[in-house]
Amino acid sequence: MKVILDTCTFLWLALEPDRLSPRARSLFDDRTTEPHLSMVSVLEIALKYRAGKLPLPLEPSDWIPSRRSFFHLIEIPLTEAVIFRSGELSSDHDDPFDRLLAATAMEAGATILSPDPQLSLLGASRIW
């Protein structure tokens, strides 16, 4: 199964693994799961870190690649198709990062691993 980690899921995996749902933990133990990290989440983390809203053990430029490597997460780029699709999603949910993550999942044929039901309302397949 191809899954894209929501930003909070990535942060919890790396910093607070007890916050992951049992289903999320089982997906990481399943060898058929292909876990992905979107560059949308990398952007969100970098911006929140810079604004002082997200403390991290290291600078994002060092910490994110080390965690991505440690957890064997596959990088998903932010593409023009994702940007356009995010603007076409029908929902009143205006969080740009959620819209981009939902569009990324749709474009990649993936499921988002997230506790956030708003992603489902945007039309993305989501599990938690």
Protein backbone atom coordinates (compact mmCIF):
# COMPACT_ATOMS: atom_id res chain seq x y z
CA MET A 1 0.00 0.00 0.00
CA LYS A 2 1.30 3.44 -0.94
CA VAL A 3 0.82 5.89 1.94
CA ILE A 4 1.72 9.54 2.34
CA LEU A 5 2.36 10.72 5.87
CA ASP A 6 0.49 13.79 6.96
CA THR A 7 2.84 16.36 8.47
CA CYS A 8 1.69 15.60 12.02
CA THR A 9 2.07 11.86 11.37
CA PHE A 10 5.68 12.37 10.29
CA LEU A 11 6.39 14.51 13.35
CA TRP A 12 4.77 12.00 15.69
CA LEU A 13 6.61 9.10 14.07
CA ALA A 14 9.92 10.87 14.63
CA LEU A 15 9.28 12.61 17.95
CA GLU A 16 6.25 11.12 19.73
CA PRO A 17 5.59 7.61 18.35
CA ASP A 18 3.09 6.83 21.14
CA ARG A 19 0.70 9.28 19.48
CA LEU A 20 0.40 7.06 16.39
CA SER A 21 -2.74 4.98 16.09
CA PRO A 22 -2.46 1.18 16.27
CA ARG A 23 -3.33 1.08 12.55
CA ALA A 24 -0.54 3.54 11.74
CA ARG A 25 1.98 1.48 13.73
CA SER A 26 0.89 -1.71 11.99
CA LEU A 27 1.37 -0.09 8.58
CA PHE A 28 4.99 0.72 9.43
CA ASP A 29 5.52 -2.91 10.44
CA ASP A 30 3.99 -4.19 7.17
CA ARG A 31 6.68 -4.76 4.54
CA THR A 32 4.17 -4.14 1.74
CA THR A 33 3.62 -0.54 2.90
CA GLU A 34 5.42 2.10 0.84
CA PRO A 35 5.64 5.14 3.15
CA HIS A 36 6.14 8.51 1.47
CA LEU A 37 6.93 12.00 2.71
CA SER A 38 5.66 14.85 0.58
CA MET A 39 7.74 17.96 0.03
CA VAL A 40 4.57 19.76 1.11
CA SER A 41 5.23 18.53 4.64
CA VAL A 42 8.89 19.52 4.39
CA LEU A 43 7.82 23.04 3.43
CA GLU A 44 5.27 23.22 6.24
CA ILE A 45 7.81 22.05 8.83
CA ALA A 46 10.50 24.46 7.60
CA LEU A 47 8.11 27.43 7.71
CA LYS A 48 6.74 26.59 11.16
CA TYR A 49 10.26 26.04 12.50
CA ARG A 50 11.40 29.41 11.13
CA ALA A 51 8.37 31.12 12.69
CA GLY A 52 9.26 29.62 16.08
CA LYS A 53 6.09 27.51 16.17
CA LEU A 54 7.81 24.12 15.90
CA PRO A 55 10.86 23.21 17.98
CA LEU A 56 13.05 20.49 16.50
CA PRO A 57 16.22 18.79 17.77
CA LEU A 58 18.18 20.11 14.74
CA GLU A 59 17.70 22.53 11.88
CA PRO A 60 15.07 21.17 9.44
CA SER A 61 17.72 20.90 6.70
CA ASP A 62 19.58 18.34 8.83
CA TRP A 63 16.76 16.76 10.82
CA ILE A 64 14.22 16.00 8.07
CA PRO A 65 16.61 14.13 5.73
CA SER A 66 17.99 12.12 8.65
CA ARG A 67 14.49 11.07 9.77
CA ARG A 68 13.39 10.37 6.20
CA SER A 69 16.39 8.09 5.78
CA PHE A 70 15.99 6.42 9.18
CA PHE A 71 12.33 5.55 8.53
CA HIS A 72 12.92 4.68 4.85
CA LEU A 73 10.44 7.27 3.60
CA ILE A 74 10.22 7.87 -0.13
CA GLU A 75 10.26 11.51 -1.18
CA ILE A 76 7.28 12.85 -3.16
CA PRO A 77 7.89 16.15 -4.96
CA LEU A 78 5.51 19.07 -5.13
CA THR A 79 4.50 19.23 -8.78
CA GLU A 80 2.60 21.67 -10.92
CA ALA A 81 -0.19 19.09 -11.32
CA VAL A 82 -0.56 18.89 -7.53
CA ILE A 83 -0.69 22.67 -7.22
CA PHE A 84 -3.41 22.96 -9.87
CA ARG A 85 -5.40 20.07 -8.41
CA SER A 86 -5.25 21.58 -4.91
CA GLY A 87 -6.99 24.66 -6.27
CA GLU A 88 -9.73 22.57 -7.86
CA LEU A 89 -10.72 20.61 -4.75
CA SER A 90 -14.27 21.30 -3.66
CA SER A 91 -14.37 22.05 0.03
CA ASP A 92 -14.55 24.99 2.36
CA HIS A 93 -11.38 23.75 4.05
CA ASP A 94 -8.83 26.36 3.05
CA ASP A 95 -5.67 25.16 4.81
CA PRO A 96 -3.18 25.26 1.91
CA PHE A 97 -1.01 22.45 3.29
CA ASP A 98 -4.00 20.13 3.73
CA ARG A 99 -5.20 20.96 0.23
CA LEU A 100 -1.74 20.25 -1.22
CA LEU A 101 -1.38 16.98 0.72
CA ALA A 102 -4.82 15.81 -0.42
CA ALA A 103 -3.99 16.69 -4.02
CA THR A 104 -0.61 14.94 -3.71
CA ALA A 105 -2.32 11.76 -2.55
CA MET A 106 -4.86 11.91 -5.37
CA GLU A 107 -2.22 12.53 -8.02
CA ALA A 108 -0.01 9.73 -6.64
CA GLY A 109 -2.81 7.21 -6.18
CA ALA A 110 -1.94 7.02 -2.49
CA THR A 111 -3.70 7.06 0.86
CA ILE A 112 -2.91 9.69 3.47
CA LEU A 113 -1.97 8.41 6.91
CA SER A 114 -3.57 11.06 9.11
CA PRO A 115 -5.91 11.61 12.06
CA ASP A 116 -7.37 14.67 10.28
CA PRO A 117 -10.86 14.02 8.83
CA GLN A 118 -10.63 17.26 6.82
CA LEU A 119 -8.39 15.45 4.34
CA SER A 120 -11.21 13.00 3.61
CA LEU A 121 -13.60 15.91 3.07
CA LEU A 122 -11.20 17.21 0.44
CA GLY A 123 -11.61 13.90 -1.39
CA ALA A 124 -8.40 12.12 -0.39
CA SER A 125 -8.32 8.52 0.71
CA ARG A 126 -7.32 8.56 4.38
CA ILE A 127 -6.67 6.01 7.10
CA TRP A 128 -5.72 6.33 10.71
